[in-house]
PDB file of N, CA and C in Angstrom:
ATOM      1  N   MET A   1      16.824  -4.348 -27.823  1.00  0.00           N
ATOM      2  CA  MET A   1      15.514  -4.892 -27.814  1.00  0.00           C
ATOM      3  C   MET A   1      14.458  -4.069 -28.342  1.00  0.00           C
ATOM      4  N   ASN A   2      13.843  -4.315 -29.478  1.00  0.00           N
ATOM      5  CA  ASN A   2      12.751  -3.432 -30.044  1.00  0.00           C
ATOM      6  C   ASN A   2      11.267  -3.893 -29.316  1.00  0.00           C
ATOM      7  N   GLU A   3      11.179  -5.029 -28.762  1.00  0.00           N
ATOM      8  CA  GLU A   3       9.828  -5.329 -28.374  1.00  0.00           C
ATOM      9  C   GLU A   3       9.649  -4.424 -26.890  1.00  0.00           C
ATOM     10  N   LYS A   4       8.347  -4.070 -27.009  1.00  0.00           N
ATOM     11  CA  LYS A   4       7.754  -3.342 -25.910  1.00  0.00           C
ATOM     12  C   LYS A   4       6.994  -4.248 -25.169  1.00  0.00           C
ATOM     13  N   THR A   5       7.322  -4.047 -23.780  1.00  0.00           N
ATOM     14  CA  THR A   5       6.557  -4.869 -22.656  1.00  0.00           C
ATOM     15  C   THR A   5       5.610  -3.932 -21.948  1.00  0.00           C
ATOM     16  N   PRO A   6       4.283  -4.046 -21.564  1.00  0.00           N
ATOM     17  CA  PRO A   6       3.629  -3.290 -20.638  1.00  0.00           C
ATOM     18  C   PRO A   6       4.386  -3.175 -19.083  1.00  0.00           C
ATOM     19  N   LEU A   7       4.261  -2.266 -18.384  1.00  0.00           N
ATOM     20  CA  LEU A   7       4.796  -2.185 -17.166  1.00  0.00           C
ATOM     21  C   LEU A   7       4.006  -3.355 -16.198  1.00  0.00           C
ATOM     22  N   ASP A   8       2.818  -3.540 -16.391  1.00  0.00           N
ATOM     23  CA  ASP A   8       1.874  -4.406 -15.489  1.00  0.00           C
ATOM     24  C   ASP A   8       2.356  -5.861 -15.861  1.00  0.00           C
ATOM     25  N   ALA A   9       3.247  -6.227 -16.735  1.00  0.00           N
ATOM     26  CA  ALA A   9       3.839  -7.444 -16.920  1.00  0.00           C
ATOM     27  C   ALA A   9       4.972  -7.748 -16.154  1.00  0.00           C
ATOM     28  N   LEU A  10       5.740  -6.786 -15.523  1.00  0.00           N
ATOM     29  CA  LEU A  10       6.959  -7.155 -14.780  1.00  0.00           C
ATOM     30  C   LEU A  10       6.418  -7.749 -13.506  1.00  0.00           C
ATOM     31  N   ILE A  11       7.266  -8.577 -13.049  1.00  0.00           N
ATOM     32  CA  ILE A  11       7.386  -9.382 -11.928  1.00  0.00           C
ATOM     33  C   ILE A  11       8.423  -8.678 -10.862  1.00  0.00           C
ATOM     34  N   PRO A  12       8.131  -8.572  -9.542  1.00  0.00           N
ATOM     35  CA  PRO A  12       9.301  -8.200  -8.664  1.00  0.00           C
ATOM     36  C   PRO A  12      10.461  -8.569  -8.964  1.00  0.00           C
ATOM     37  N   GLY A  13      11.525  -7.513  -9.042  1.00  0.00           N
ATOM     38  CA  GLY A  13      12.966  -7.781  -9.421  1.00  0.00           C
ATOM     39  C   GLY A  13      13.100  -7.479 -11.108  1.00  0.00           C
ATOM     40  N   GLY A  14      12.070  -7.180 -11.573  1.00  0.00           N
ATOM     41  CA  GLY A  14      12.278  -6.916 -13.091  1.00  0.00           C
ATOM     42  C   GLY A  14      12.306  -5.312 -13.194  1.00  0.00           C
ATOM     43  N   GLY A  15      12.789  -5.059 -14.373  1.00  0.00           N
ATOM     44  CA  GLY A  15      12.709  -3.659 -14.742  1.00  0.00           C
ATOM     45  C   GLY A  15      13.115  -3.418 -16.287  1.00  0.00           C
ATOM     46  N   GLY A  16      12.910  -2.240 -16.415  1.00  0.00           N
ATOM     47  CA  GLY A  16      13.085  -1.661 -18.001  1.00  0.00           C
ATOM     48  C   GLY A  16      12.973  -0.131 -17.975  1.00  0.00           C
ATOM     49  N   ARG A  17      13.244   0.403 -19.152  1.00  0.00           N
ATOM     50  CA  ARG A  17      13.051   1.546 -19.256  1.00  0.00           C
ATOM     51  C   ARG A  17      11.752   2.087 -20.314  1.00  0.00           C
ATOM     52  N   VAL A  18      11.008   3.236 -19.801  1.00  0.00           N
ATOM     53  CA  VAL A  18       9.936   3.849 -20.493  1.00  0.00           C
ATOM     54  C   VAL A  18      10.220   4.046 -21.915  1.00  0.00           C
ATOM     55  N   ALA A  19       9.401   3.354 -22.826  1.00  0.00           N
ATOM     56  CA  ALA A  19       9.466   3.652 -24.226  1.00  0.00           C
ATOM     57  C   ALA A  19       8.398   4.536 -24.805  1.00  0.00           C
ATOM     58  N   ALA A  20       7.061   4.327 -24.110  1.00  0.00           N
ATOM     59  CA  ALA A  20       5.900   4.930 -24.567  1.00  0.00           C
ATOM     60  C   ALA A  20       4.877   4.962 -23.560  1.00  0.00           C
ATOM     61  N   LEU A  21       3.961   5.965 -23.692  1.00  0.00           N
ATOM     62  CA  LEU A  21       2.794   5.824 -22.822  1.00  0.00           C
ATOM     63  C   LEU A  21       1.544   5.908 -23.909  1.00  0.00           C
ATOM     64  N   THR A  22       0.493   4.940 -23.591  1.00  0.00           N
ATOM     65  CA  THR A  22      -0.490   4.743 -24.368  1.00  0.00           C
ATOM     66  C   THR A  22      -1.625   5.348 -23.661  1.00  0.00           C
ATOM     67  N   ALA A  23      -1.692   6.016 -22.550  1.00  0.00           N
ATOM     68  CA  ALA A  23      -2.543   6.579 -21.897  1.00  0.00           C
ATOM     69  C   ALA A  23      -3.013   7.950 -22.528  1.00  0.00           C
ATOM     70  N   THR A  24      -4.151   8.505 -22.389  1.00  0.00           N
ATOM     71  CA  THR A  24      -4.573   9.804 -22.894  1.00  0.00           C
ATOM     72  C   THR A  24      -5.028  10.561 -21.797  1.00  0.00           C
ATOM     73  N   GLY A  25      -5.172  11.981 -22.059  1.00  0.00           N
ATOM     74  CA  GLY A  25      -6.052  12.726 -21.128  1.00  0.00           C
ATOM     75  C   GLY A  25      -5.304  12.882 -19.715  1.00  0.00           C
ATOM     76  N   PRO A  26      -6.070  13.073 -18.472  1.00  0.00           N
ATOM     77  CA  PRO A  26      -5.560  13.262 -17.306  1.00  0.00           C
ATOM     78  C   PRO A  26      -4.726  12.196 -16.824  1.00  0.00           C
ATOM     79  N   MET A  27      -5.021  10.908 -17.212  1.00  0.00           N
ATOM     80  CA  MET A  27      -4.115   9.816 -16.685  1.00  0.00           C
ATOM     81  C   MET A  27      -2.633   9.772 -17.325  1.00  0.00           C
ATOM     82  N   ARG A  28      -2.546  10.146 -18.671  1.00  0.00           N
ATOM     83  CA  ARG A  28      -1.220  10.485 -19.303  1.00  0.00           C
ATOM     84  C   ARG A  28      -0.610  11.523 -18.622  1.00  0.00           C
ATOM     85  N   ARG A  29      -1.245  12.648 -18.139  1.00  0.00           N
ATOM     86  CA  ARG A  29      -0.517  13.734 -17.256  1.00  0.00           C
ATOM     87  C   ARG A  29      -0.166  13.254 -16.215  1.00  0.00           C
ATOM     88  N   ARG A  30      -0.944  12.456 -15.377  1.00  0.00           N
ATOM     89  CA  ARG A  30      -0.516  11.976 -14.202  1.00  0.00           C
ATOM     90  C   ARG A  30       0.768  10.919 -14.124  1.00  0.00           C
ATOM     91  N   LEU A  31       0.630  10.076 -15.196  1.00  0.00           N
ATOM     92  CA  LEU A  31       1.933   9.225 -15.279  1.00  0.00           C
ATOM     93  C   LEU A  31       3.169  10.047 -15.467  1.00  0.00           C
ATOM     94  N   GLN A  32       3.106  11.006 -16.412  1.00  0.00           N
ATOM     95  CA  GLN A  32       4.118  11.930 -16.733  1.00  0.00           C
ATOM     96  C   GLN A  32       4.616  12.836 -15.378  1.00  0.00           C
ATOM     97  N   ASP A  33       3.531  13.127 -14.757  1.00  0.00           N
ATOM     98  CA  ASP A  33       3.896  13.852 -13.260  1.00  0.00           C
ATOM     99  C   ASP A  33       4.817  13.165 -12.345  1.00  0.00           C
ATOM    100  N   ILE A  34       4.359  11.813 -12.346  1.00  0.00           N
ATOM    101  CA  ILE A  34       5.275  10.907 -11.466  1.00  0.00           C
ATOM    102  C   ILE A  34       6.533  10.348 -11.887  1.00  0.00           C
ATOM    103  N   GLY A  35       6.798  10.909 -13.160  1.00  0.00           N
ATOM    104  CA  GLY A  35       8.272  10.663 -13.552  1.00  0.00           C
ATOM    105  C   GLY A  35       8.241   9.544 -14.846  1.00  0.00           C
ATOM    106  N   LEU A  36       7.085   9.041 -15.216  1.00  0.00           N
ATOM    107  CA  LEU A  36       7.023   8.174 -16.339  1.00  0.00           C
ATOM    108  C   LEU A  36       7.094   8.889 -17.639  1.00  0.00           C
ATOM    109  N   ILE A  37       8.526   9.154 -17.889  1.00  0.00           N
ATOM    110  CA  ILE A  37       8.593   9.961 -19.225  1.00  0.00           C
ATOM    111  C   ILE A  37       9.686   8.911 -19.976  1.00  0.00           C
ATOM    112  N   GLU A  38       9.737   9.151 -21.453  1.00  0.00           N
ATOM    113  CA  GLU A  38      10.500   8.220 -22.197  1.00  0.00           C
ATOM    114  C   GLU A  38      11.891   8.109 -21.603  1.00  0.00           C
ATOM    115  N   GLY A  39      12.540   7.094 -21.477  1.00  0.00           N
ATOM    116  CA  GLY A  39      13.838   6.822 -20.947  1.00  0.00           C
ATOM    117  C   GLY A  39      14.091   6.575 -19.461  1.00  0.00           C
ATOM    118  N   THR A  40      13.097   6.887 -18.848  1.00  0.00           N
ATOM    119  CA  THR A  40      13.015   6.627 -17.252  1.00  0.00           C
ATOM    120  C   THR A  40      13.205   5.336 -16.976  1.00  0.00           C
ATOM    121  N   LYS A  41      14.093   4.840 -16.086  1.00  0.00           N
ATOM    122  CA  LYS A  41      14.414   3.639 -15.523  1.00  0.00           C
ATOM    123  C   LYS A  41      13.247   3.255 -14.361  1.00  0.00           C
ATOM    124  N   VAL A  42      12.515   2.026 -14.560  1.00  0.00           N
ATOM    125  CA  VAL A  42      11.570   1.648 -13.601  1.00  0.00           C
ATOM    126  C   VAL A  42      11.697   0.224 -13.157  1.00  0.00           C
ATOM    127  N   ASP A  43      11.708   0.023 -11.946  1.00  0.00           N
ATOM    128  CA  ASP A  43      12.017  -1.337 -11.379  1.00  0.00           C
ATOM    129  C   ASP A  43      10.776  -1.812 -10.611  1.00  0.00           C
ATOM    130  N   CYS A  44      10.279  -3.024 -10.747  1.00  0.00           N
ATOM    131  CA  CYS A  44       9.166  -3.468  -9.882  1.00  0.00           C
ATOM    132  C   CYS A  44       9.692  -3.978  -8.678  1.00  0.00           C
ATOM    133  N   LEU A  45       9.022  -3.576  -7.489  1.00  0.00           N
ATOM    134  CA  LEU A  45       9.704  -3.968  -6.294  1.00  0.00           C
ATOM    135  C   LEU A  45       8.635  -4.878  -5.559  1.00  0.00           C
ATOM    136  N   LEU A  46       7.462  -4.515  -5.395  1.00  0.00           N
ATOM    137  CA  LEU A  46       6.546  -5.588  -4.729  1.00  0.00           C
ATOM    138  C   LEU A  46       5.055  -5.498  -5.266  1.00  0.00           C
ATOM    139  N   GLN A  47       4.433  -6.506  -5.016  1.00  0.00           N
ATOM    140  CA  GLN A  47       3.124  -6.696  -5.646  1.00  0.00           C
ATOM    141  C   GLN A  47       2.198  -7.062  -4.411  1.00  0.00           C
ATOM    142  N   ALA A  48       0.968  -6.599  -4.182  1.00  0.00           N
ATOM    143  CA  ALA A  48       0.014  -6.893  -3.344  1.00  0.00           C
ATOM    144  C   ALA A  48      -0.171  -8.323  -3.577  1.00  0.00           C
ATOM    145  N   PRO A  49      -0.535  -8.941  -2.237  1.00  0.00           N
ATOM    146  CA  PRO A  49      -1.052 -10.517  -2.416  1.00  0.00           C
ATOM    147  C   PRO A  49      -2.093 -10.718  -3.553  1.00  0.00           C
ATOM    148  N   SER A  50      -2.911  -9.732  -3.656  1.00  0.00           N
ATOM    149  CA  SER A  50      -4.122  -9.934  -4.625  1.00  0.00           C
ATOM    150  C   SER A  50      -3.559  -9.643  -6.144  1.00  0.00           C
ATOM    151  N   GLY A  51      -2.410  -9.192  -6.134  1.00  0.00           N
ATOM    152  CA  GLY A  51      -1.663  -8.898  -7.469  1.00  0.00           C
ATOM    153  C   GLY A  51      -1.942  -7.295  -7.949  1.00  0.00           C
ATOM    154  N   ASP A  52      -2.815  -6.698  -7.191  1.00  0.00           N
ATOM    155  CA  ASP A  52      -3.062  -5.309  -7.616  1.00  0.00           C
ATOM    156  C   ASP A  52      -3.186  -4.484  -6.324  1.00  0.00           C
ATOM    157  N   PRO A  53      -2.586  -3.332  -6.088  1.00  0.00           N
ATOM    158  CA  PRO A  53      -1.500  -2.506  -6.947  1.00  0.00           C
ATOM    159  C   PRO A  53      -0.230  -3.322  -6.876  1.00  0.00           C
ATOM    160  N   THR A  54       0.795  -2.538  -7.671  1.00  0.00           N
ATOM    161  CA  THR A  54       2.207  -3.021  -7.679  1.00  0.00           C
ATOM    162  C   THR A  54       3.048  -1.944  -7.158  1.00  0.00           C
ATOM    163  N   ALA A  55       4.067  -1.986  -6.674  1.00  0.00           N
ATOM    164  CA  ALA A  55       5.080  -0.935  -6.181  1.00  0.00           C
ATOM    165  C   ALA A  55       6.068  -0.733  -7.151  1.00  0.00           C
ATOM    166  N   TYR A  56       6.419   0.421  -7.676  1.00  0.00           N
ATOM    167  CA  TYR A  56       7.598   0.547  -8.617  1.00  0.00           C
ATOM    168  C   TYR A  56       8.505   1.494  -8.000  1.00  0.00           C
ATOM    169  N   ALA A  57       9.930   1.402  -8.314  1.00  0.00           N
ATOM    170  CA  ALA A  57      10.782   2.310  -8.182  1.00  0.00           C
ATOM    171  C   ALA A  57      10.898   3.385  -9.298  1.00  0.00           C
ATOM    172  N   ILE A  58      10.756   4.604  -9.068  1.00  0.00           N
ATOM    173  CA  ILE A  58      10.497   5.542 -10.290  1.00  0.00           C
ATOM    174  C   ILE A  58      11.305   6.790 -10.026  1.00  0.00           C
ATOM    175  N   ARG A  59      12.607   7.075 -10.309  1.00  0.00           N
ATOM    176  CA  ARG A  59      13.353   8.295  -9.957  1.00  0.00           C
ATOM    177  C   ARG A  59      13.480   8.588  -8.625  1.00  0.00           C
ATOM    178  N   GLY A  60      13.765   7.445  -8.023  1.00  0.00           N
ATOM    179  CA  GLY A  60      14.010   7.520  -6.429  1.00  0.00           C
ATOM    180  C   GLY A  60      12.951   7.571  -5.620  1.00  0.00           C
ATOM    181  N   ALA A  61      11.732   7.430  -6.034  1.00  0.00           N
ATOM    182  CA  ALA A  61      10.366   7.209  -5.267  1.00  0.00           C
ATOM    183  C   ALA A  61       9.831   5.896  -5.454  1.00  0.00           C
ATOM    184  N   VAL A  62       9.163   5.381  -4.461  1.00  0.00           N
ATOM    185  CA  VAL A  62       8.211   4.273  -4.637  1.00  0.00           C
ATOM    186  C   VAL A  62       7.159   4.637  -4.873  1.00  0.00           C
ATOM    187  N   ILE A  63       6.261   4.290  -6.006  1.00  0.00           N
ATOM    188  CA  ILE A  63       4.960   4.557  -6.600  1.00  0.00           C
ATOM    189  C   ILE A  63       4.100   3.159  -6.755  1.00  0.00           C
ATOM    190  N   ALA A  64       3.019   3.264  -6.298  1.00  0.00           N
ATOM    191  CA  ALA A  64       2.155   2.108  -6.251  1.00  0.00           C
ATOM    192  C   ALA A  64       1.109   2.492  -7.707  1.00  0.00           C
ATOM    193  N   LEU A  65       0.931   1.576  -8.347  1.00  0.00           N
ATOM    194  CA  LEU A  65       0.143   1.755  -9.491  1.00  0.00           C
ATOM    195  C   LEU A  65      -0.956   0.541  -9.747  1.00  0.00           C
ATOM    196  N   ARG A  66      -2.046   0.806 -10.154  1.00  0.00           N
ATOM    197  CA  ARG A  66      -2.934  -0.210 -10.090  1.00  0.00           C
ATOM    198  C   ARG A  66      -2.752  -0.700 -11.753  1.00  0.00           C
ATOM    199  N   LYS A  67      -2.934  -2.132 -11.934  1.00  0.00           N
ATOM    200  CA  LYS A  67      -2.555  -2.885 -13.111  1.00  0.00           C
ATOM    201  C   LYS A  67      -3.129  -2.135 -14.399  1.00  0.00           C
ATOM    202  N   GLU A  68      -4.488  -1.596 -14.251  1.00  0.00           N
ATOM    203  CA  GLU A  68      -5.052  -0.830 -15.387  1.00  0.00           C
ATOM    204  C   GLU A  68      -4.305   0.305 -15.850  1.00  0.00           C
ATOM    205  N   ASP A  69      -3.604   1.117 -14.731  1.00  0.00           N
ATOM    206  CA  ASP A  69      -2.770   2.232 -15.185  1.00  0.00           C
ATOM    207  C   ASP A  69      -1.530   1.721 -15.719  1.00  0.00           C
ATOM    208  N   ALA A  70      -0.929   0.739 -14.923  1.00  0.00           N
ATOM    209  CA  ALA A  70       0.521   0.420 -15.395  1.00  0.00           C
ATOM    210  C   ALA A  70       0.593  -0.147 -16.767  1.00  0.00           C
ATOM    211  N   GLY A  71      -0.542  -0.766 -17.199  1.00  0.00           N
ATOM    212  CA  GLY A  71      -0.717  -1.298 -18.476  1.00  0.00           C
ATOM    213  C   GLY A  71      -0.497  -0.184 -19.620  1.00  0.00           C
ATOM    214  N   CYS A  72      -0.836   1.069 -19.319  1.00  0.00           N
ATOM    215  CA  CYS A  72      -0.650   2.270 -20.039  1.00  0.00           C
ATOM    216  C   CYS A  72       0.964   2.539 -20.530  1.00  0.00           C
ATOM    217  N   VAL A  73       1.897   1.942 -19.797  1.00  0.00           N
ATOM    218  CA  VAL A  73       3.166   2.288 -19.851  1.00  0.00           C
ATOM    219  C   VAL A  73       3.916   1.245 -20.675  1.00  0.00           C
ATOM    220  N   LEU A  74       4.605   1.441 -21.601  1.00  0.00           N
ATOM    221  CA  LEU A  74       5.366   0.399 -22.408  1.00  0.00           C
ATOM    222  C   LEU A  74       6.832   0.484 -22.200  1.00  0.00           C
ATOM    223  N   LEU A  75       7.348  -0.490 -21.976  1.00  0.00           N
ATOM    224  CA  LEU A  75       8.968  -0.560 -21.238  1.00  0.00           C
ATOM    225  C   LEU A  75       9.840  -1.220 -22.481  1.00  0.00           C
ATOM    226  N   SER A  76      10.956  -0.915 -22.835  1.00  0.00           N
ATOM    227  CA  SER A  76      11.922  -1.594 -23.479  1.00  0.00           C
ATOM    228  C   SER A  76      13.022  -2.091 -22.588  1.00  0.00           C
ATOM    229  N   GLU A  77      14.095  -2.758 -23.109  1.00  0.00           N
ATOM    230  CA  GLU A  77      15.052  -3.290 -22.275  1.00  0.00           C
ATOM    231  C   GLU A  77      14.627  -4.154 -21.039  1.00  0.00           C
ATOM    232  N   VAL A  78      13.672  -4.823 -21.194  1.00  0.00           N
ATOM    233  CA  VAL A  78      13.269  -5.644 -19.931  1.00  0.00           C
ATOM    234  C   VAL A  78      14.101  -6.892 -19.913  1.00  0.00           C
TER     235      VAL A  78
END
């Protein structure tokens, strides 16, 4: 599948692999530091009742990301 989906579009139970990051500067570095690099498997676990933030399983850890930040991560194989 060549179509890329933003991470913030996943619903709990969905997942995919990181295809690209659109963030720049310190936010890009932060996303890379928590393991969001090309090829990393990401699963959407839980969403706050308000819809923000959302918890994701990334490399064996559970990480909560705001919708704004998760939108900077593009996934393939959704």
